[in-house]
Amino acid sequence: QLPVRVPTDMRAINEDLKQINRTLEQRLKVSLSEQAAMLKR
């Protein structure tokens, strides 16, 4: 699941947002790959 930690400064907020973005991008890649496999099937 996405991180739940409460950041205290802008640097921590940025790091959390970057981590969330990386997680979402990875999930998007996986879902697009699954969609392509389903379409081919």
PDB file of all heavy atoms in Angstrom:
ATOM      1  N   GLN A   1       0.841  -1.186   0.000  1.00  0.00           N
ATOM      2  CA  GLN A   1       0.000   0.000   0.000  1.00  0.00           C
ATOM      3  C   GLN A   1       0.880   1.241   0.000  1.00  0.00           C
ATOM      4  O   GLN A   1       2.066   1.190   0.301  1.00  0.00           O
ATOM      5  CB  GLN A   1      -0.895  -0.008   1.229  1.00  0.00           C
ATOM      6  CG  GLN A   1      -1.848  -1.189   1.257  1.00  0.00           C
ATOM      7  CD  GLN A   1      -2.638  -1.242   2.540  1.00  0.00           C
ATOM      8  OE1 GLN A   1      -2.444  -0.430   3.421  1.00  0.00           O
ATOM      9  NE2 GLN A   1      -3.517  -2.216   2.639  1.00  0.00           N
ATOM     10  N   LEU A   2       0.285   2.356  -0.343  1.00  0.00           N
ATOM     11  CA  LEU A   2       1.032   3.601  -0.383  1.00  0.00           C
ATOM     12  C   LEU A   2       1.474   3.998   1.020  1.00  0.00           C
ATOM     13  O   LEU A   2       0.807   3.673   1.999  1.00  0.00           O
ATOM     14  CB  LEU A   2       0.172   4.702  -1.006  1.00  0.00           C
ATOM     15  CG  LEU A   2      -0.252   4.438  -2.441  1.00  0.00           C
ATOM     16  CD1 LEU A   2      -1.171   5.549  -2.909  1.00  0.00           C
ATOM     17  CD2 LEU A   2       0.943   4.328  -3.356  1.00  0.00           C
ATOM     18  N   PRO A   3       2.603   4.700   1.151  1.00  0.00           N
ATOM     19  CA  PRO A   3       3.100   5.058   2.478  1.00  0.00           C
ATOM     20  C   PRO A   3       2.120   5.949   3.242  1.00  0.00           C
ATOM     21  O   PRO A   3       1.443   6.776   2.659  1.00  0.00           O
ATOM     22  CB  PRO A   3       4.395   5.824   2.192  1.00  0.00           C
ATOM     23  CG  PRO A   3       4.554   5.894   0.734  1.00  0.00           C
ATOM     24  CD  PRO A   3       3.448   5.143   0.081  1.00  0.00           C
ATOM     25  N   VAL A   4       2.116   5.780   4.583  1.00  0.00           N
ATOM     26  CA  VAL A   4       1.186   6.506   5.411  1.00  0.00           C
ATOM     27  C   VAL A   4       1.920   7.494   6.331  1.00  0.00           C
ATOM     28  O   VAL A   4       1.293   8.254   7.032  1.00  0.00           O
ATOM     29  CB  VAL A   4       0.355   5.509   6.256  1.00  0.00           C
ATOM     30  CG1 VAL A   4      -0.701   6.215   7.070  1.00  0.00           C
ATOM     31  CG2 VAL A   4      -0.282   4.470   5.365  1.00  0.00           C
ATOM     32  N   ARG A   5       3.224   7.495   6.316  1.00  0.00           N
ATOM     33  CA  ARG A   5       4.035   8.335   7.196  1.00  0.00           C
ATOM     34  C   ARG A   5       3.704   9.807   6.974  1.00  0.00           C
ATOM     35  O   ARG A   5       3.554  10.266   5.848  1.00  0.00           O
ATOM     36  CB  ARG A   5       5.517   8.083   6.901  1.00  0.00           C
ATOM     37  CG  ARG A   5       6.459   8.795   7.827  1.00  0.00           C
ATOM     38  CD  ARG A   5       7.880   8.328   7.588  1.00  0.00           C
ATOM     39  NE  ARG A   5       8.257   8.336   6.193  1.00  0.00           N
ATOM     40  CZ  ARG A   5       9.006   9.269   5.621  1.00  0.00           C
ATOM     41  NH1 ARG A   5       9.444  10.278   6.312  1.00  0.00           N
ATOM     42  NH2 ARG A   5       9.320   9.177   4.348  1.00  0.00           N
ATOM     43  N   VAL A   6       3.618  10.574   8.052  1.00  0.00           N
ATOM     44  CA  VAL A   6       3.298  11.997   7.972  1.00  0.00           C
ATOM     45  C   VAL A   6       4.612  12.771   7.900  1.00  0.00           C
ATOM     46  O   VAL A   6       5.378  12.784   8.863  1.00  0.00           O
ATOM     47  CB  VAL A   6       2.473  12.453   9.187  1.00  0.00           C
ATOM     48  CG1 VAL A   6       2.205  13.935   9.125  1.00  0.00           C
ATOM     49  CG2 VAL A   6       1.186  11.660   9.275  1.00  0.00           C
ATOM     50  N   PRO A   7       4.908  13.409   6.768  1.00  0.00           N
ATOM     51  CA  PRO A   7       6.156  14.155   6.639  1.00  0.00           C
ATOM     52  C   PRO A   7       6.094  15.477   7.405  1.00  0.00           C
ATOM     53  O   PRO A   7       5.020  16.024   7.641  1.00  0.00           O
ATOM     54  CB  PRO A   7       6.272  14.409   5.138  1.00  0.00           C
ATOM     55  CG  PRO A   7       4.889  14.292   4.625  1.00  0.00           C
ATOM     56  CD  PRO A   7       4.155  13.362   5.540  1.00  0.00           C
ATOM     57  N   THR A   8       7.279  15.985   7.799  1.00  0.00           N
ATOM     58  CA  THR A   8       7.315  17.203   8.608  1.00  0.00           C
ATOM     59  C   THR A   8       7.903  18.393   7.865  1.00  0.00           C
ATOM     60  O   THR A   8       7.613  19.528   8.211  1.00  0.00           O
ATOM     61  CB  THR A   8       8.139  16.961   9.880  1.00  0.00           C
ATOM     62  OG1 THR A   8       9.445  16.498   9.495  1.00  0.00           O
ATOM     63  CG2 THR A   8       7.474  15.934  10.766  1.00  0.00           C
ATOM     64  N   ASP A   9       8.739  18.179   6.863  1.00  0.00           N
ATOM     65  CA  ASP A   9       9.322  19.304   6.130  1.00  0.00           C
ATOM     66  C   ASP A   9       9.143  19.090   4.627  1.00  0.00           C
ATOM     67  O   ASP A   9       8.708  18.036   4.185  1.00  0.00           O
ATOM     68  CB  ASP A   9      10.801  19.487   6.491  1.00  0.00           C
ATOM     69  CG  ASP A   9      11.631  18.254   6.161  1.00  0.00           C
ATOM     70  OD1 ASP A   9      11.041  17.214   5.855  1.00  0.00           O
ATOM     71  OD2 ASP A   9      12.866  18.346   6.208  1.00  0.00           O
ATOM     72  N   MET A  10       9.467  20.110   3.846  1.00  0.00           N
ATOM     73  CA  MET A  10       9.252  20.053   2.398  1.00  0.00           C
ATOM     74  C   MET A  10      10.083  18.947   1.744  1.00  0.00           C
ATOM     75  O   MET A  10       9.631  18.298   0.805  1.00  0.00           O
ATOM     76  CB  MET A  10       9.596  21.407   1.757  1.00  0.00           C
ATOM     77  CG  MET A  10       8.591  22.503   2.088  1.00  0.00           C
ATOM     78  SD  MET A  10       6.907  22.057   1.667  1.00  0.00           S
ATOM     79  CE  MET A  10       6.966  22.139  -0.090  1.00  0.00           C
ATOM     80  N   ARG A  11      11.284  18.735   2.237  1.00  0.00           N
ATOM     81  CA  ARG A  11      12.136  17.693   1.668  1.00  0.00           C
ATOM     82  C   ARG A  11      11.493  16.312   1.859  1.00  0.00           C
ATOM     83  O   ARG A  11      11.461  15.502   0.944  1.00  0.00           O
ATOM     84  CB  ARG A  11      13.506  17.756   2.334  1.00  0.00           C
ATOM     85  CG  ARG A  11      14.513  16.856   1.718  1.00  0.00           C
ATOM     86  CD  ARG A  11      15.852  17.058   2.380  1.00  0.00           C
ATOM     87  NE  ARG A  11      16.886  16.392   1.641  1.00  0.00           N
ATOM     88  CZ  ARG A  11      18.123  16.306   2.037  1.00  0.00           C
ATOM     89  NH1 ARG A  11      18.486  16.870   3.165  1.00  0.00           N
ATOM     90  NH2 ARG A  11      19.010  15.669   1.317  1.00  0.00           N
ATOM     91  N   ALA A  12      10.980  16.070   3.061  1.00  0.00           N
ATOM     92  CA  ALA A  12      10.324  14.795   3.333  1.00  0.00           C
ATOM     93  C   ALA A  12       9.048  14.649   2.513  1.00  0.00           C
ATOM     94  O   ALA A  12       8.740  13.565   2.009  1.00  0.00           O
ATOM     95  CB  ALA A  12      10.019  14.674   4.821  1.00  0.00           C
ATOM     96  N   ILE A  13       8.319  15.748   2.377  1.00  0.00           N
ATOM     97  CA  ILE A  13       7.101  15.710   1.562  1.00  0.00           C
ATOM     98  C   ILE A  13       7.445  15.368   0.125  1.00  0.00           C
ATOM     99  O   ILE A  13       6.799  14.525  -0.506  1.00  0.00           O
ATOM    100  CB  ILE A  13       6.359  17.067   1.641  1.00  0.00           C
ATOM    101  CG1 ILE A  13       5.783  17.280   3.030  1.00  0.00           C
ATOM    102  CG2 ILE A  13       5.257  17.136   0.594  1.00  0.00           C
ATOM    103  CD1 ILE A  13       5.217  18.660   3.258  1.00  0.00           C
ATOM    104  N   ASN A  14       8.495  16.000  -0.412  1.00  0.00           N
ATOM    105  CA  ASN A  14       8.951  15.712  -1.773  1.00  0.00           C
ATOM    106  C   ASN A  14       9.351  14.257  -1.925  1.00  0.00           C
ATOM    107  O   ASN A  14       8.994  13.601  -2.917  1.00  0.00           O
ATOM    108  CB  ASN A  14      10.136  16.614  -2.134  1.00  0.00           C
ATOM    109  CG  ASN A  14       9.783  17.609  -3.196  1.00  0.00           C
ATOM    110  OD1 ASN A  14       8.685  17.594  -3.724  1.00  0.00           O
ATOM    111  ND2 ASN A  14      10.725  18.487  -3.489  1.00  0.00           N
ATOM    112  N   GLU A  15      10.109  13.741  -0.966  1.00  0.00           N
ATOM    113  CA  GLU A  15      10.535  12.339  -1.036  1.00  0.00           C
ATOM    114  C   GLU A  15       9.337  11.401  -1.015  1.00  0.00           C
ATOM    115  O   GLU A  15       9.287  10.426  -1.764  1.00  0.00           O
ATOM    116  CB  GLU A  15      11.494  12.010   0.117  1.00  0.00           C
ATOM    117  CG  GLU A  15      12.864  12.600  -0.046  1.00  0.00           C
ATOM    118  CD  GLU A  15      13.573  12.103  -1.305  1.00  0.00           C
ATOM    119  OE1 GLU A  15      13.496  10.893  -1.617  1.00  0.00           O
ATOM    120  OE2 GLU A  15      14.189  12.938  -1.988  1.00  0.00           O
ATOM    121  N   ASP A  16       8.357  11.703  -0.159  1.00  0.00           N
ATOM    122  CA  ASP A  16       7.156  10.875  -0.100  1.00  0.00           C
ATOM    123  C   ASP A  16       6.387  10.910  -1.421  1.00  0.00           C
ATOM    124  O   ASP A  16       5.929   9.883  -1.915  1.00  0.00           O
ATOM    125  CB  ASP A  16       6.237  11.321   1.033  1.00  0.00           C
ATOM    126  CG  ASP A  16       6.714  10.838   2.392  1.00  0.00           C
ATOM    127  OD1 ASP A  16       7.645  10.013   2.419  1.00  0.00           O
ATOM    128  OD2 ASP A  16       6.150  11.286   3.403  1.00  0.00           O
ATOM    129  N   LEU A  17       6.265  12.092  -1.988  1.00  0.00           N
ATOM    130  CA  LEU A  17       5.558  12.207  -3.266  1.00  0.00           C
ATOM    131  C   LEU A  17       6.292  11.476  -4.380  1.00  0.00           C
ATOM    132  O   LEU A  17       5.673  10.843  -5.239  1.00  0.00           O
ATOM    133  CB  LEU A  17       5.343  13.679  -3.626  1.00  0.00           C
ATOM    134  CG  LEU A  17       4.352  14.432  -2.736  1.00  0.00           C
ATOM    135  CD1 LEU A  17       4.318  15.906  -3.110  1.00  0.00           C
ATOM    136  CD2 LEU A  17       2.971  13.818  -2.837  1.00  0.00           C
ATOM    137  N   LYS A  18       7.629  11.560  -4.361  1.00  0.00           N
ATOM    138  CA  LYS A  18       8.419  10.821  -5.359  1.00  0.00           C
ATOM    139  C   LYS A  18       8.224   9.320  -5.193  1.00  0.00           C
ATOM    140  O   LYS A  18       8.093   8.588  -6.184  1.00  0.00           O
ATOM    141  CB  LYS A  18       9.899  11.179  -5.239  1.00  0.00           C
ATOM    142  CG  LYS A  18      10.229  12.556  -5.766  1.00  0.00           C
ATOM    143  CD  LYS A  18      11.705  12.856  -5.579  1.00  0.00           C
ATOM    144  CE  LYS A  18      12.042  14.270  -6.019  1.00  0.00           C
ATOM    145  NZ  LYS A  18      13.455  14.596  -5.782  1.00  0.00           N
ATOM    146  N   GLN A  19       8.200   8.862  -3.948  1.00  0.00           N
ATOM    147  CA  GLN A  19       8.001   7.431  -3.693  1.00  0.00           C
ATOM    148  C   GLN A  19       6.611   6.998  -4.149  1.00  0.00           C
ATOM    149  O   GLN A  19       6.450   5.956  -4.775  1.00  0.00           O
ATOM    150  CB  GLN A  19       8.196   7.127  -2.205  1.00  0.00           C
ATOM    151  CG  GLN A  19       7.958   5.676  -1.843  1.00  0.00           C
ATOM    152  CD  GLN A  19       8.914   4.744  -2.547  1.00  0.00           C
ATOM    153  OE1 GLN A  19      10.070   5.069  -2.762  1.00  0.00           O
ATOM    154  NE2 GLN A  19       8.430   3.582  -2.936  1.00  0.00           N
ATOM    155  N   ILE A  20       5.613   7.795  -3.847  1.00  0.00           N
ATOM    156  CA  ILE A  20       4.253   7.484  -4.281  1.00  0.00           C
ATOM    157  C   ILE A  20       4.187   7.458  -5.804  1.00  0.00           C
ATOM    158  O   ILE A  20       3.580   6.561  -6.400  1.00  0.00           O
ATOM    159  CB  ILE A  20       3.248   8.509  -3.706  1.00  0.00           C
ATOM    160  CG1 ILE A  20       3.119   8.331  -2.202  1.00  0.00           C
ATOM    161  CG2 ILE A  20       1.890   8.379  -4.379  1.00  0.00           C
ATOM    162  CD1 ILE A  20       2.354   9.448  -1.514  1.00  0.00           C
ATOM    163  N   ASN A  21       4.843   8.408  -6.457  1.00  0.00           N
ATOM    164  CA  ASN A  21       4.869   8.472  -7.915  1.00  0.00           C
ATOM    165  C   ASN A  21       5.528   7.226  -8.494  1.00  0.00           C
ATOM    166  O   ASN A  21       5.029   6.634  -9.463  1.00  0.00           O
ATOM    167  CB  ASN A  21       5.589   9.740  -8.376  1.00  0.00           C
ATOM    168  CG  ASN A  21       5.318  10.064  -9.816  1.00  0.00           C
ATOM    169  OD1 ASN A  21       4.343   9.608 -10.387  1.00  0.00           O
ATOM    170  ND2 ASN A  21       6.190  10.860 -10.405  1.00  0.00           N
ATOM    171  N   ARG A  22       6.659   6.805  -7.898  1.00  0.00           N
ATOM    172  CA  ARG A  22       7.341   5.587  -8.382  1.00  0.00           C
ATOM    173  C   ARG A  22       6.442   4.368  -8.238  1.00  0.00           C
ATOM    174  O   ARG A  22       6.356   3.533  -9.138  1.00  0.00           O
ATOM    175  CB  ARG A  22       8.653   5.377  -7.631  1.00  0.00           C
ATOM    176  CG  ARG A  22       9.775   6.276  -8.083  1.00  0.00           C
ATOM    177  CD  ARG A  22      11.111   5.844  -7.496  1.00  0.00           C
ATOM    178  NE  ARG A  22      11.161   5.998  -6.058  1.00  0.00           N
ATOM    179  CZ  ARG A  22      11.575   7.085  -5.418  1.00  0.00           C
ATOM    180  NH1 ARG A  22      11.982   8.135  -6.108  1.00  0.00           N
ATOM    181  NH2 ARG A  22      11.604   7.126  -4.110  1.00  0.00           N
ATOM    182  N   THR A  23       5.760   4.291  -7.095  1.00  0.00           N
ATOM    183  CA  THR A  23       4.860   3.157  -6.863  1.00  0.00           C
ATOM    184  C   THR A  23       3.728   3.152  -7.887  1.00  0.00           C
ATOM    185  O   THR A  23       3.410   2.108  -8.465  1.00  0.00           O
ATOM    186  CB  THR A  23       4.275   3.230  -5.435  1.00  0.00           C
ATOM    187  OG1 THR A  23       5.344   3.259  -4.495  1.00  0.00           O
ATOM    188  CG2 THR A  23       3.378   2.045  -5.158  1.00  0.00           C
ATOM    189  N   LEU A  24       3.147   4.304  -8.117  1.00  0.00           N
ATOM    190  CA  LEU A  24       2.041   4.392  -9.078  1.00  0.00           C
ATOM    191  C   LEU A  24       2.512   4.098 -10.500  1.00  0.00           C
ATOM    192  O   LEU A  24       1.803   3.439 -11.267  1.00  0.00           O
ATOM    193  CB  LEU A  24       1.379   5.766  -9.000  1.00  0.00           C
ATOM    194  CG  LEU A  24       0.620   6.056  -7.708  1.00  0.00           C
ATOM    195  CD1 LEU A  24       0.135   7.498  -7.697  1.00  0.00           C
ATOM    196  CD2 LEU A  24      -0.533   5.097  -7.539  1.00  0.00           C
ATOM    197  N   GLU A  25       3.707   4.581 -10.868  1.00  0.00           N
ATOM    198  CA  GLU A  25       4.238   4.291 -12.195  1.00  0.00           C
ATOM    199  C   GLU A  25       4.471   2.796 -12.365  1.00  0.00           C
ATOM    200  O   GLU A  25       4.179   2.226 -13.429  1.00  0.00           O
ATOM    201  CB  GLU A  25       5.542   5.060 -12.426  1.00  0.00           C
ATOM    202  CG  GLU A  25       5.331   6.535 -12.695  1.00  0.00           C
ATOM    203  CD  GLU A  25       6.639   7.305 -12.806  1.00  0.00           C
ATOM    204  OE1 GLU A  25       7.719   6.757 -12.489  1.00  0.00           O
ATOM    205  OE2 GLU A  25       6.581   8.481 -13.209  1.00  0.00           O
ATOM    206  N   GLN A  26       4.979   2.139 -11.324  1.00  0.00           N
ATOM    207  CA  GLN A  26       5.197   0.697 -11.396  1.00  0.00           C
ATOM    208  C   GLN A  26       3.875  -0.039 -11.552  1.00  0.00           C
ATOM    209  O   GLN A  26       3.748  -0.952 -12.363  1.00  0.00           O
ATOM    210  CB  GLN A  26       5.934   0.214 -10.145  1.00  0.00           C
ATOM    211  CG  GLN A  26       6.240  -1.264 -10.157  1.00  0.00           C
ATOM    212  CD  GLN A  26       7.164  -1.671 -11.283  1.00  0.00           C
ATOM    213  OE1 GLN A  26       7.988  -0.890 -11.740  1.00  0.00           O
ATOM    214  NE2 GLN A  26       7.029  -2.881 -11.758  1.00  0.00           N
ATOM    215  N   ARG A  27       2.871   0.366 -10.791  1.00  0.00           N
ATOM    216  CA  ARG A  27       1.553  -0.259 -10.901  1.00  0.00           C
ATOM    217  C   ARG A  27       0.963  -0.039 -12.289  1.00  0.00           C
ATOM    218  O   ARG A  27       0.315  -0.932 -12.846  1.00  0.00           O
ATOM    219  CB  ARG A  27       0.611   0.297  -9.843  1.00  0.00           C
ATOM    220  CG  ARG A  27       0.931  -0.167  -8.446  1.00  0.00           C
ATOM    221  CD  ARG A  27      -0.046   0.413  -7.453  1.00  0.00           C
ATOM    222  NE  ARG A  27       0.296   0.042  -6.088  1.00  0.00           N
ATOM    223  CZ  ARG A  27      -0.331   0.489  -5.023  1.00  0.00           C
ATOM    224  NH1 ARG A  27      -1.347   1.325  -5.151  1.00  0.00           N
ATOM    225  NH2 ARG A  27       0.031   0.110  -3.828  1.00  0.00           N
ATOM    226  N   LEU A  28       1.179   1.153 -12.855  1.00  0.00           N
ATOM    227  CA  LEU A  28       0.679   1.445 -14.192  1.00  0.00           C
ATOM    228  C   LEU A  28       1.344   0.534 -15.223  1.00  0.00           C
ATOM    229  O   LEU A  28       0.672  -0.010 -16.105  1.00  0.00           O
ATOM    230  CB  LEU A  28       0.928   2.915 -14.545  1.00  0.00           C
ATOM    231  CG  LEU A  28       0.500   3.352 -15.947  1.00  0.00           C
ATOM    232  CD1 LEU A  28      -1.004   3.203 -16.113  1.00  0.00           C
ATOM    233  CD2 LEU A  28       0.928   4.780 -16.212  1.00  0.00           C
ATOM    234  N   LYS A  29       2.658   0.360 -15.114  1.00  0.00           N
ATOM    235  CA  LYS A  29       3.365  -0.524 -16.042  1.00  0.00           C
ATOM    236  C   LYS A  29       2.826  -1.946 -15.965  1.00  0.00           C
ATOM    237  O   LYS A  29       2.612  -2.594 -16.991  1.00  0.00           O
ATOM    238  CB  LYS A  29       4.865  -0.532 -15.733  1.00  0.00           C
ATOM    239  CG  LYS A  29       5.591   0.698 -16.168  1.00  0.00           C
ATOM    240  CD  LYS A  29       7.070   0.611 -15.826  1.00  0.00           C
ATOM    241  CE  LYS A  29       7.805   1.899 -16.140  1.00  0.00           C
ATOM    242  NZ  LYS A  29       9.217   1.826 -15.764  1.00  0.00           N
ATOM    243  N   VAL A  30       2.597  -2.417 -14.749  1.00  0.00           N
ATOM    244  CA  VAL A  30       2.077  -3.773 -14.580  1.00  0.00           C
ATOM    245  C   VAL A  30       0.683  -3.890 -15.190  1.00  0.00           C
ATOM    246  O   VAL A  30       0.389  -4.843 -15.908  1.00  0.00           O
ATOM    247  CB  VAL A  30       2.059  -4.161 -13.081  1.00  0.00           C
ATOM    248  CG1 VAL A  30       1.282  -5.447 -12.857  1.00  0.00           C
ATOM    249  CG2 VAL A  30       3.481  -4.312 -12.559  1.00  0.00           C
ATOM    250  N   SER A  31      -0.172  -2.896 -14.922  1.00  0.00           N
ATOM    251  CA  SER A  31      -1.537  -2.980 -15.456  1.00  0.00           C
ATOM    252  C   SER A  31      -1.552  -2.881 -16.976  1.00  0.00           C
ATOM    253  O   SER A  31      -2.326  -3.571 -17.639  1.00  0.00           O
ATOM    254  CB  SER A  31      -2.437  -1.913 -14.834  1.00  0.00           C
ATOM    255  OG  SER A  31      -2.077  -0.639 -15.287  1.00  0.00           O
ATOM    256  N   LEU A  32      -0.685  -2.035 -17.554  1.00  0.00           N
ATOM    257  CA  LEU A  32      -0.617  -1.947 -19.019  1.00  0.00           C
ATOM    258  C   LEU A  32      -0.122  -3.258 -19.614  1.00  0.00           C
ATOM    259  O   LEU A  32      -0.602  -3.705 -20.660  1.00  0.00           O
ATOM    260  CB  LEU A  32       0.289  -0.790 -19.442  1.00  0.00           C
ATOM    261  CG  LEU A  32      -0.273   0.613 -19.199  1.00  0.00           C
ATOM    262  CD1 LEU A  32       0.772   1.673 -19.560  1.00  0.00           C
ATOM    263  CD2 LEU A  32      -1.544   0.823 -19.989  1.00  0.00           C
ATOM    264  N   SER A  33       0.825  -3.881 -18.961  1.00  0.00           N
ATOM    265  CA  SER A  33       1.328  -5.171 -19.423  1.00  0.00           C
ATOM    266  C   SER A  33       0.224  -6.232 -19.364  1.00  0.00           C
ATOM    267  O   SER A  33       0.058  -7.023 -20.297  1.00  0.00           O
ATOM    268  CB  SER A  33       2.515  -5.597 -18.554  1.00  0.00           C
ATOM    269  OG  SER A  33       2.931  -6.882 -18.889  1.00  0.00           O
ATOM    270  N   GLU A  34      -0.536  -6.226 -18.276  1.00  0.00           N
ATOM    271  CA  GLU A  34      -1.642  -7.182 -18.157  1.00  0.00           C
ATOM    272  C   GLU A  34      -2.709  -6.925 -19.215  1.00  0.00           C
ATOM    273  O   GLU A  34      -3.267  -7.857 -19.785  1.00  0.00           O
ATOM    274  CB  GLU A  34      -2.253  -7.103 -16.758  1.00  0.00           C
ATOM    275  CG  GLU A  34      -1.356  -7.660 -15.684  1.00  0.00           C
ATOM    276  CD  GLU A  34      -1.888  -7.437 -14.280  1.00  0.00           C
ATOM    277  OE1 GLU A  34      -2.890  -6.694 -14.127  1.00  0.00           O
ATOM    278  OE2 GLU A  34      -1.311  -8.001 -13.345  1.00  0.00           O
ATOM    279  N   GLN A  35      -2.993  -5.653 -19.491  1.00  0.00           N
ATOM    280  CA  GLN A  35      -3.981  -5.314 -20.515  1.00  0.00           C
ATOM    281  C   GLN A  35      -3.518  -5.790 -21.882  1.00  0.00           C
ATOM    282  O   GLN A  35      -4.312  -6.315 -22.679  1.00  0.00           O
ATOM    283  CB  GLN A  35      -4.229  -3.813 -20.540  1.00  0.00           C
ATOM    284  CG  GLN A  35      -5.060  -3.300 -19.401  1.00  0.00           C
ATOM    285  CD  GLN A  35      -5.241  -1.794 -19.466  1.00  0.00           C
ATOM    286  OE1 GLN A  35      -4.728  -1.123 -20.357  1.00  0.00           O
ATOM    287  NE2 GLN A  35      -5.983  -1.259 -18.517  1.00  0.00           N
ATOM    288  N   ALA A  36      -2.230  -5.599 -22.184  1.00  0.00           N
ATOM    289  CA  ALA A  36      -1.702  -6.038 -23.475  1.00  0.00           C
ATOM    290  C   ALA A  36      -1.810  -7.556 -23.610  1.00  0.00           C
ATOM    291  O   ALA A  36      -2.176  -8.069 -24.674  1.00  0.00           O
ATOM    292  CB  ALA A  36      -0.258  -5.581 -23.632  1.00  0.00           C
ATOM    293  N   ALA A  37      -1.512  -8.272 -22.539  1.00  0.00           N
ATOM    294  CA  ALA A  37      -1.618  -9.736 -22.572  1.00  0.00           C
ATOM    295  C   ALA A  37      -3.071 -10.165 -22.782  1.00  0.00           C
ATOM    296  O   ALA A  37      -3.344 -11.092 -23.557  1.00  0.00           O
ATOM    297  CB  ALA A  37      -1.064 -10.327 -21.279  1.00  0.00           C
ATOM    298  N   MET A  38      -4.002  -9.487 -22.123  1.00  0.00           N
ATOM    299  CA  MET A  38      -5.421  -9.811 -22.294  1.00  0.00           C
ATOM    300  C   MET A  38      -5.890  -9.520 -23.715  1.00  0.00           C
ATOM    301  O   MET A  38      -6.644 -10.292 -24.294  1.00  0.00           O
ATOM    302  CB  MET A  38      -6.277  -9.011 -21.301  1.00  0.00           C
ATOM    303  CG  MET A  38      -6.154  -9.483 -19.900  1.00  0.00           C
ATOM    304  SD  MET A  38      -6.860 -11.127 -19.773  1.00  0.00           S
ATOM    305  CE  MET A  38      -7.119 -11.219 -18.048  1.00  0.00           C
ATOM    306  N   LEU A  39      -5.449  -8.392 -24.267  1.00  0.00           N
ATOM    307  CA  LEU A  39      -5.830  -8.041 -25.626  1.00  0.00           C
ATOM    308  C   LEU A  39      -5.322  -9.080 -26.614  1.00  0.00           C
ATOM    309  O   LEU A  39      -6.057  -9.516 -27.508  1.00  0.00           O
ATOM    310  CB  LEU A  39      -5.283  -6.658 -25.989  1.00  0.00           C
ATOM    311  CG  LEU A  39      -5.621  -6.144 -27.382  1.00  0.00           C
ATOM    312  CD1 LEU A  39      -7.126  -6.012 -27.554  1.00  0.00           C
ATOM    313  CD2 LEU A  39      -4.941  -4.813 -27.628  1.00  0.00           C
ATOM    314  N   LYS A  40      -4.083  -9.507 -26.433  1.00  0.00           N
ATOM    315  CA  LYS A  40      -3.512 -10.528 -27.312  1.00  0.00           C
ATOM    316  C   LYS A  40      -4.297 -11.835 -27.196  1.00  0.00           C
ATOM    317  O   LYS A  40      -4.592 -12.490 -28.193  1.00  0.00           O
ATOM    318  CB  LYS A  40      -2.049 -10.753 -26.949  1.00  0.00           C
ATOM    319  CG  LYS A  40      -1.309 -11.612 -27.917  1.00  0.00           C
ATOM    320  CD  LYS A  40       0.177 -11.642 -27.611  1.00  0.00           C
ATOM    321  CE  LYS A  40       0.912 -12.452 -28.645  1.00  0.00           C
ATOM    322  NZ  LYS A  40       2.346 -12.455 -28.411  1.00  0.00           N
ATOM    323  N   ARG A  41      -4.667 -12.195 -25.980  1.00  0.00           N
ATOM    324  CA  ARG A  41      -5.452 -13.412 -25.757  1.00  0.00           C
ATOM    325  C   ARG A  41      -6.830 -13.292 -26.412  1.00  0.00           C
ATOM    326  O   ARG A  41      -7.311 -14.239 -27.035  1.00  0.00           O
ATOM    327  CB  ARG A  41      -5.595 -13.649 -24.256  1.00  0.00           C
ATOM    328  CG  ARG A  41      -6.465 -14.808 -23.886  1.00  0.00           C
ATOM    329  CD  ARG A  41      -5.764 -16.129 -24.044  1.00  0.00           C
ATOM    330  NE  ARG A  41      -6.622 -17.191 -23.557  1.00  0.00           N
ATOM    331  CZ  ARG A  41      -6.877 -18.278 -24.220  1.00  0.00           C
ATOM    332  NH1 ARG A  41      -6.301 -18.503 -25.374  1.00  0.00           N
ATOM    333  NH2 ARG A  41      -7.681 -19.195 -23.733  1.00  0.00           N
TER     334      ARG A  41
END
